[in-house]
Amino acid sequence: MRFAIFFTFFCCPLLIAAEPPLRPVTVCEVMQDLSAYDGKVVAVVGRFSSRQAGRWLGEQKCPQKLLAGGQEWPDAFWLDYDPATAPKPPAVLAVDAPLLAQKLREVKLGTALTKLPFGSSDYDNWAVVYGRVERRKDLVVTTPAGARKNGFGYGNSSPARLVCHGDAVVIFLND
């Protein structure tokens, strides 16, 4: 009887409290149905690119291109580190490993890490990033000076952003 009470009060809450591992999605999967992912918290797999102008998570060859306002948009998220408004990551950021391996293979089929002619190769890496997807309803706006892009990041070039808590939610995937 004592064992049953111990199990009920101490072990069962541990079993219930465990969160299932995150099911990662690729950049292409999100971009193909951006409105469905808007406002959702996800773990996205892609090529993490860090440049002086900012950070992106993208892919090169998605089967379907995002067209808005007569313009083709890149398959890339602007990464916005904002601990005040970003979703708080779970205590243990667990990702479904077999699914992650499959998604990374898919990404690598159509995307390469950029080889820059200078410095380190650390500018591009494979990564999974945890954050909230945000998009603008109008990616192209009309101003008195004419139509202009209304995306995110450097040059308003990204059709969506991934709002992240910080570097801790970026998991680099080494070969």
C-alpha atoms as a PDB file:
ATOM      1  CA  MET A   1       0.000   0.000   0.000  1.00  0.00           C
ATOM      2  CA  ARG A   2       2.802   2.420   0.889  1.00  0.00           C
ATOM      3  CA  PHE A   3       4.419   1.717  -2.488  1.00  0.00           C
ATOM      4  CA  ALA A   4       1.170   2.597  -4.297  1.00  0.00           C
ATOM      5  CA  ILE A   5       0.917   5.911  -2.454  1.00  0.00           C
ATOM      6  CA  PHE A   6       4.582   6.714  -3.112  1.00  0.00           C
ATOM      7  CA  PHE A   7       4.182   5.898  -6.826  1.00  0.00           C
ATOM      8  CA  THR A   8       0.977   7.923  -7.166  1.00  0.00           C
ATOM      9  CA  PHE A   9       2.299  11.099  -5.553  1.00  0.00           C
ATOM     10  CA  PHE A  10       5.941  11.110  -6.619  1.00  0.00           C
ATOM     11  CA  CYS A  11       6.305   9.184  -9.878  1.00  0.00           C
ATOM     12  CA  CYS A  12       3.074   9.920 -11.761  1.00  0.00           C
ATOM     13  CA  PRO A  13       3.577  13.715 -11.759  1.00  0.00           C
ATOM     14  CA  LEU A  14       7.006  13.193 -13.307  1.00  0.00           C
ATOM     15  CA  LEU A  15       5.511  11.070 -16.067  1.00  0.00           C
ATOM     16  CA  ILE A  16       2.752  13.579 -16.766  1.00  0.00           C
ATOM     17  CA  ALA A  17       5.027  16.645 -16.647  1.00  0.00           C
ATOM     18  CA  ALA A  18       7.394  15.361 -19.319  1.00  0.00           C
ATOM     19  CA  GLU A  19       6.829  17.297 -22.549  1.00  0.00           C
ATOM     20  CA  PRO A  20       6.947  15.404 -25.830  1.00  0.00           C
ATOM     21  CA  PRO A  21       9.925  16.222 -28.047  1.00  0.00           C
ATOM     22  CA  LEU A  22       9.413  19.005 -30.593  1.00  0.00           C
ATOM     23  CA  ARG A  23       8.625  17.923 -34.139  1.00  0.00           C
ATOM     24  CA  PRO A  24      10.877  20.000 -36.386  1.00  0.00           C
ATOM     25  CA  VAL A  25       9.766  21.460 -39.716  1.00  0.00           C
ATOM     26  CA  THR A  26      11.872  22.814 -42.578  1.00  0.00           C
ATOM     27  CA  VAL A  27      11.956  26.412 -43.768  1.00  0.00           C
ATOM     28  CA  CYS A  28      10.317  25.281 -47.029  1.00  0.00           C
ATOM     29  CA  GLU A  29       7.440  23.595 -45.188  1.00  0.00           C
ATOM     30  CA  VAL A  30       6.664  26.791 -43.292  1.00  0.00           C
ATOM     31  CA  MET A  31       7.072  29.099 -46.297  1.00  0.00           C
ATOM     32  CA  GLN A  32       4.687  26.954 -48.386  1.00  0.00           C
ATOM     33  CA  ASP A  33       1.890  27.651 -45.888  1.00  0.00           C
ATOM     34  CA  LEU A  34       3.074  30.781 -44.111  1.00  0.00           C
ATOM     35  CA  SER A  35      -0.385  31.963 -43.069  1.00  0.00           C
ATOM     36  CA  ALA A  36      -1.063  28.652 -41.264  1.00  0.00           C
ATOM     37  CA  TYR A  37       2.186  28.983 -39.271  1.00  0.00           C
ATOM     38  CA  ASP A  38       1.742  32.685 -38.442  1.00  0.00           C
ATOM     39  CA  GLY A  39       1.881  33.077 -34.648  1.00  0.00           C
ATOM     40  CA  LYS A  40       2.841  29.427 -34.065  1.00  0.00           C
ATOM     41  CA  VAL A  41       5.836  28.325 -32.000  1.00  0.00           C
ATOM     42  CA  VAL A  42       7.989  25.867 -33.936  1.00  0.00           C
ATOM     43  CA  ALA A  43      11.435  24.317 -34.249  1.00  0.00           C
ATOM     44  CA  VAL A  44      12.639  25.107 -37.788  1.00  0.00           C
ATOM     45  CA  VAL A  45      15.536  23.378 -39.581  1.00  0.00           C
ATOM     46  CA  GLY A  46      17.629  25.195 -42.165  1.00  0.00           C
ATOM     47  CA  ARG A  47      20.855  26.974 -43.025  1.00  0.00           C
ATOM     48  CA  PHE A  48      21.724  29.464 -40.286  1.00  0.00           C
ATOM     49  CA  SER A  49      23.514  32.422 -41.874  1.00  0.00           C
ATOM     50  CA  SER A  50      25.189  35.087 -39.782  1.00  0.00           C
ATOM     51  CA  ARG A  51      26.384  38.259 -41.467  1.00  0.00           C
ATOM     52  CA  GLN A  52      27.161  41.788 -40.358  1.00  0.00           C
ATOM     53  CA  ALA A  53      23.622  42.836 -41.308  1.00  0.00           C
ATOM     54  CA  GLY A  54      21.936  40.123 -39.215  1.00  0.00           C
ATOM     55  CA  ARG A  55      20.966  36.459 -39.013  1.00  0.00           C
ATOM     56  CA  TRP A  56      18.764  34.358 -41.272  1.00  0.00           C
ATOM     57  CA  LEU A  57      17.495  30.794 -41.362  1.00  0.00           C
ATOM     58  CA  GLY A  58      16.793  29.661 -44.882  1.00  0.00           C
ATOM     59  CA  GLU A  59      16.833  27.183 -47.723  1.00  0.00           C
ATOM     60  CA  GLN A  60      17.800  27.636 -51.366  1.00  0.00           C
ATOM     61  CA  LYS A  61      15.540  25.405 -53.435  1.00  0.00           C
ATOM     62  CA  CYS A  62      12.024  25.117 -52.103  1.00  0.00           C
ATOM     63  CA  PRO A  63       9.600  23.397 -54.485  1.00  0.00           C
ATOM     64  CA  GLN A  64       7.221  26.351 -54.323  1.00  0.00           C
ATOM     65  CA  LYS A  65       8.318  30.001 -54.315  1.00  0.00           C
ATOM     66  CA  LEU A  66       6.516  32.615 -52.234  1.00  0.00           C
ATOM     67  CA  LEU A  67       5.108  35.300 -54.523  1.00  0.00           C
ATOM     68  CA  ALA A  68       3.552  38.491 -53.158  1.00  0.00           C
ATOM     69  CA  GLY A  69       2.995  41.830 -54.792  1.00  0.00           C
ATOM     70  CA  GLY A  70       4.425  40.514 -58.046  1.00  0.00           C
ATOM     71  CA  GLN A  71       7.728  39.749 -56.338  1.00  0.00           C
ATOM     72  CA  GLU A  72       9.452  36.488 -55.515  1.00  0.00           C
ATOM     73  CA  TRP A  73      10.570  36.323 -51.881  1.00  0.00           C
ATOM     74  CA  PRO A  74      13.530  34.364 -50.521  1.00  0.00           C
ATOM     75  CA  ASP A  75      12.904  31.204 -48.544  1.00  0.00           C
ATOM     76  CA  ALA A  76      14.440  32.658 -45.404  1.00  0.00           C
ATOM     77  CA  PHE A  77      13.418  33.827 -41.963  1.00  0.00           C
ATOM     78  CA  TRP A  78      14.927  36.904 -40.370  1.00  0.00           C
ATOM     79  CA  LEU A  79      15.976  35.835 -36.864  1.00  0.00           C
ATOM     80  CA  ASP A  80      14.909  38.350 -34.258  1.00  0.00           C
ATOM     81  CA  TYR A  81      16.314  37.815 -30.756  1.00  0.00           C
ATOM     82  CA  ASP A  82      13.844  39.403 -28.338  1.00  0.00           C
ATOM     83  CA  PRO A  83      13.739  37.810 -24.854  1.00  0.00           C
ATOM     84  CA  ALA A  84      10.923  40.142 -23.774  1.00  0.00           C
ATOM     85  CA  THR A  85       8.377  38.954 -26.361  1.00  0.00           C
ATOM     86  CA  ALA A  86       9.750  35.625 -27.598  1.00  0.00           C
ATOM     87  CA  PRO A  87       8.246  32.333 -26.451  1.00  0.00           C
ATOM     88  CA  LYS A  88      10.049  30.974 -23.425  1.00  0.00           C
ATOM     89  CA  PRO A  89      11.747  27.723 -24.374  1.00  0.00           C
ATOM     90  CA  PRO A  90      10.907  24.576 -22.438  1.00  0.00           C
ATOM     91  CA  ALA A  91      13.230  23.671 -19.553  1.00  0.00           C
ATOM     92  CA  VAL A  92      14.589  20.862 -21.734  1.00  0.00           C
ATOM     93  CA  LEU A  93      14.626  21.702 -25.433  1.00  0.00           C
ATOM     94  CA  ALA A  94      14.153  18.176 -26.755  1.00  0.00           C
ATOM     95  CA  VAL A  95      13.712  17.599 -30.493  1.00  0.00           C
ATOM     96  CA  ASP A  96      12.528  14.381 -32.168  1.00  0.00           C
ATOM     97  CA  ALA A  97      16.000  13.178 -33.279  1.00  0.00           C
ATOM     98  CA  PRO A  98      15.011  10.722 -36.067  1.00  0.00           C
ATOM     99  CA  LEU A  99      12.653  13.290 -37.581  1.00  0.00           C
ATOM    100  CA  LEU A 100      15.307  16.006 -37.253  1.00  0.00           C
ATOM    101  CA  ALA A 101      17.820  13.821 -39.121  1.00  0.00           C
ATOM    102  CA  GLN A 102      15.261  13.255 -41.897  1.00  0.00           C
ATOM    103  CA  LYS A 103      14.427  16.972 -42.163  1.00  0.00           C
ATOM    104  CA  LEU A 104      18.110  17.925 -42.240  1.00  0.00           C
ATOM    105  CA  ARG A 105      18.695  15.445 -45.099  1.00  0.00           C
ATOM    106  CA  GLU A 106      15.808  17.105 -47.010  1.00  0.00           C
ATOM    107  CA  VAL A 107      17.290  20.574 -46.465  1.00  0.00           C
ATOM    108  CA  LYS A 108      20.768  19.487 -47.576  1.00  0.00           C
ATOM    109  CA  LEU A 109      19.402  18.124 -50.868  1.00  0.00           C
ATOM    110  CA  GLY A 110      18.643  21.625 -52.120  1.00  0.00           C
ATOM    111  CA  THR A 111      20.793  23.897 -49.964  1.00  0.00           C
ATOM    112  CA  ALA A 112      24.535  24.318 -49.525  1.00  0.00           C
ATOM    113  CA  LEU A 113      26.552  26.136 -46.916  1.00  0.00           C
ATOM    114  CA  THR A 114      28.017  29.307 -48.400  1.00  0.00           C
ATOM    115  CA  LYS A 115      31.748  29.247 -49.034  1.00  0.00           C
ATOM    116  CA  LEU A 116      32.990  32.772 -48.434  1.00  0.00           C
ATOM    117  CA  PRO A 117      36.347  33.759 -49.950  1.00  0.00           C
ATOM    118  CA  PHE A 118      37.579  35.201 -46.653  1.00  0.00           C
ATOM    119  CA  GLY A 119      37.777  34.356 -42.990  1.00  0.00           C
ATOM    120  CA  SER A 120      36.053  31.549 -41.191  1.00  0.00           C
ATOM    121  CA  SER A 121      33.500  29.024 -42.367  1.00  0.00           C
ATOM    122  CA  ASP A 122      31.426  29.866 -39.264  1.00  0.00           C
ATOM    123  CA  TYR A 123      29.180  32.248 -41.190  1.00  0.00           C
ATOM    124  CA  ASP A 124      26.879  29.401 -42.260  1.00  0.00           C
ATOM    125  CA  ASN A 125      25.863  26.324 -40.274  1.00  0.00           C
ATOM    126  CA  TRP A 126      23.063  23.784 -40.233  1.00  0.00           C
ATOM    127  CA  ALA A 127      20.730  24.538 -37.347  1.00  0.00           C
ATOM    128  CA  VAL A 128      17.362  24.043 -35.744  1.00  0.00           C
ATOM    129  CA  VAL A 129      15.886  27.209 -34.228  1.00  0.00           C
ATOM    130  CA  TYR A 130      13.037  27.434 -31.711  1.00  0.00           C
ATOM    131  CA  GLY A 131      10.780  30.481 -31.973  1.00  0.00           C
ATOM    132  CA  ARG A 132       7.501  32.050 -33.042  1.00  0.00           C
ATOM    133  CA  VAL A 133       6.725  32.627 -36.726  1.00  0.00           C
ATOM    134  CA  GLU A 134       5.524  36.130 -37.620  1.00  0.00           C
ATOM    135  CA  ARG A 135       4.587  37.427 -41.037  1.00  0.00           C
ATOM    136  CA  ARG A 136       3.240  40.677 -42.416  1.00  0.00           C
ATOM    137  CA  LYS A 137      -0.161  40.635 -44.060  1.00  0.00           C
ATOM    138  CA  ASP A 138       1.045  43.044 -46.769  1.00  0.00           C
ATOM    139  CA  LEU A 139       4.550  42.197 -47.955  1.00  0.00           C
ATOM    140  CA  VAL A 140       4.453  44.985 -50.533  1.00  0.00           C
ATOM    141  CA  VAL A 141       3.040  48.407 -49.710  1.00  0.00           C
ATOM    142  CA  THR A 142       2.300  51.317 -51.988  1.00  0.00           C
ATOM    143  CA  THR A 143       3.754  54.679 -51.056  1.00  0.00           C
ATOM    144  CA  PRO A 144       3.741  57.999 -52.935  1.00  0.00           C
ATOM    145  CA  ALA A 145       7.206  56.991 -54.181  1.00  0.00           C
ATOM    146  CA  GLY A 146       5.868  53.664 -55.487  1.00  0.00           C
ATOM    147  CA  ALA A 147       5.679  50.069 -54.296  1.00  0.00           C
ATOM    148  CA  ARG A 148       8.210  48.887 -51.735  1.00  0.00           C
ATOM    149  CA  LYS A 149       8.967  45.694 -49.859  1.00  0.00           C
ATOM    150  CA  ASN A 150       7.504  45.427 -46.368  1.00  0.00           C
ATOM    151  CA  GLY A 151       9.336  42.378 -45.069  1.00  0.00           C
ATOM    152  CA  PHE A 152      11.653  41.869 -42.119  1.00  0.00           C
ATOM    153  CA  GLY A 153      15.353  42.381 -41.582  1.00  0.00           C
ATOM    154  CA  TYR A 154      18.000  43.990 -43.699  1.00  0.00           C
ATOM    155  CA  GLY A 155      16.384  45.638 -46.721  1.00  0.00           C
ATOM    156  CA  ASN A 156      12.974  44.302 -45.629  1.00  0.00           C
ATOM    157  CA  SER A 157      14.009  41.226 -47.602  1.00  0.00           C
ATOM    158  CA  SER A 158      12.528  38.361 -45.537  1.00  0.00           C
ATOM    159  CA  PRO A 159       8.829  37.522 -45.824  1.00  0.00           C
ATOM    160  CA  ALA A 160       8.708  36.333 -42.189  1.00  0.00           C
ATOM    161  CA  ARG A 161      10.667  36.381 -38.993  1.00  0.00           C
ATOM    162  CA  LEU A 162      11.334  33.875 -36.275  1.00  0.00           C
ATOM    163  CA  VAL A 163      11.170  35.582 -32.870  1.00  0.00           C
ATOM    164  CA  CYS A 164      13.594  33.799 -30.547  1.00  0.00           C
ATOM    165  CA  HIS A 165      14.512  34.091 -26.901  1.00  0.00           C
ATOM    166  CA  GLY A 166      18.237  34.296 -27.757  1.00  0.00           C
ATOM    167  CA  ASP A 167      21.245  32.242 -28.804  1.00  0.00           C
ATOM    168  CA  ALA A 168      20.230  29.436 -26.437  1.00  0.00           C
ATOM    169  CA  VAL A 169      17.404  28.374 -28.759  1.00  0.00           C
ATOM    170  CA  VAL A 170      19.714  27.915 -31.759  1.00  0.00           C
ATOM    171  CA  ILE A 171      21.068  24.374 -31.935  1.00  0.00           C
ATOM    172  CA  PHE A 172      23.886  23.947 -34.452  1.00  0.00           C
ATOM    173  CA  LEU A 173      23.925  20.596 -36.247  1.00  0.00           C
ATOM    174  CA  ASN A 174      27.440  19.555 -37.141  1.00  0.00           C
ATOM    175  CA  ASP A 175      28.196  16.994 -39.827  1.00  0.00           C
END
